[in-house]
Structures are given as C-alpha cells and as structure tokens.
Amino acid sequence: MNFVGPFAKAQENAQKFGTSLLFVSSCTETVKVIKDMEEQNIVLEANGDKNGLTLNKVDTELFLEMMFSQVVIKDA
C-alpha cells in the first residue's frame, strides 16, 4: 500500500524505528556473546587450549567486523 503525505512520513518513521531496534538488539546480543567468549578464553588459556583461543579470536574479530562495518546514520 502506498501512502501519501503525513501517512508516508509516518510509515517511513515506523520502518526506521523498527530497523534501529533490530540493529540495537543485535549489537547488544553480540556484545553479550563477546563477553562470554572472553570468560571462555580465561578457561581455555588455563587449560592450554591454543586452538580454542585461536577460534575464539577469529570469531570475535568476525563479530566486531559485522557490527562496525554497517553504516550507522545519525538521527535515522
């Protein structure tokens, strides 16, 4: 359905809000996972598991790249 006038603006604002909410939620969950992985790294380091540490490092870099490679538009 194509809206015109103020309804079009309201629809656009609702879509931007929903997209922003999804982005913030995904960033929050990603940070939680990274914190859990940092705790896991302490255990892996104590056990001498270099392979596990390497995999966690690669995963952490991937998560951070995905989070920060997306353009964030101010006041969008």
Protein backbone atom coordinates (compact mmCIF):
# COMPACT_ATOMS: atom_id res chain seq x y z
CA MET A 1 0.00 0.00 0.00
CA ASN A 2 1.42 3.38 -0.98
CA PHE A 3 0.76 6.19 1.43
CA VAL A 4 0.98 9.88 0.61
CA GLY A 5 1.51 12.97 2.74
CA PRO A 6 1.80 12.55 6.51
CA PHE A 7 0.96 8.85 6.29
CA ALA A 8 4.00 8.26 4.09
CA LYS A 9 6.23 10.00 6.64
CA ALA A 10 4.67 8.01 9.50
CA GLN A 11 5.30 4.76 7.61
CA GLU A 12 8.90 5.76 6.93
CA ASN A 13 9.47 6.68 10.58
CA ALA A 14 7.99 3.36 11.74
CA GLN A 15 10.28 1.44 9.39
CA LYS A 16 13.34 3.38 10.57
CA PHE A 17 12.39 2.77 14.19
CA GLY A 18 11.96 -0.96 13.60
CA THR A 19 15.27 -1.20 11.77
CA SER A 20 17.06 0.73 14.52
CA LEU A 21 15.52 -1.51 17.17
CA LEU A 22 16.71 -4.62 15.36
CA PHE A 23 20.21 -3.19 14.96
CA VAL A 24 20.50 -2.22 18.63
CA SER A 25 19.20 -5.61 19.74
CA SER A 26 21.67 -7.46 17.56
CA CYS A 27 24.55 -5.30 18.80
CA THR A 28 23.55 -5.94 22.43
CA GLU A 29 23.44 -9.69 21.89
CA THR A 30 26.76 -9.63 20.04
CA VAL A 31 28.43 -7.81 22.95
CA LYS A 32 27.00 -10.42 25.35
CA VAL A 33 28.47 -13.22 23.24
CA ILE A 34 31.86 -11.49 23.11
CA LYS A 35 31.85 -11.12 26.91
CA ASP A 36 31.04 -14.82 27.29
CA MET A 37 33.85 -15.67 24.88
CA GLU A 38 36.29 -13.57 26.93
CA GLU A 39 35.35 -15.57 30.03
CA GLN A 40 35.75 -18.74 27.99
CA ASN A 41 39.20 -17.57 26.88
CA ILE A 42 40.36 -17.47 30.51
CA VAL A 43 39.42 -21.14 30.93
CA LEU A 44 40.92 -22.09 27.57
CA GLU A 45 44.16 -20.30 28.42
CA ALA A 46 44.34 -22.06 31.79
CA ASN A 47 43.88 -25.40 30.02
CA GLY A 48 46.46 -24.53 27.36
CA ASP A 49 43.96 -24.86 24.50
CA LYS A 50 45.60 -22.73 21.82
CA ASN A 51 43.27 -23.99 19.10
CA GLY A 52 40.21 -22.88 21.07
CA LEU A 53 41.78 -19.48 21.75
CA THR A 54 42.54 -19.03 18.06
CA LEU A 55 38.98 -19.94 17.06
CA ASN A 56 37.52 -17.55 19.65
CA LYS A 57 39.80 -14.76 18.40
CA VAL A 58 38.67 -15.31 14.81
CA ASP A 59 35.01 -15.38 15.87
CA THR A 60 35.39 -12.22 17.96
CA GLU A 61 37.00 -10.38 15.05
CA LEU A 62 34.19 -11.53 12.76
CA PHE A 63 31.50 -10.35 15.20
CA LEU A 64 33.15 -6.96 15.64
CA GLU A 65 33.63 -6.56 11.89
CA MET A 66 29.96 -7.31 11.27
CA MET A 67 28.90 -4.82 13.95
CA PHE A 68 31.11 -1.96 12.85
CA SER A 69 31.08 -2.44 9.10
CA GLN A 70 27.43 -1.40 8.95
CA VAL A 71 26.91 2.31 8.47
CA VAL A 72 25.09 3.98 11.35
CA ILE A 73 23.21 7.09 10.28
CA LYS A 74 22.77 9.73 12.95
CA ASP A 75 19.11 10.54 13.64
CA ALA A 76 17.94 7.93 11.15
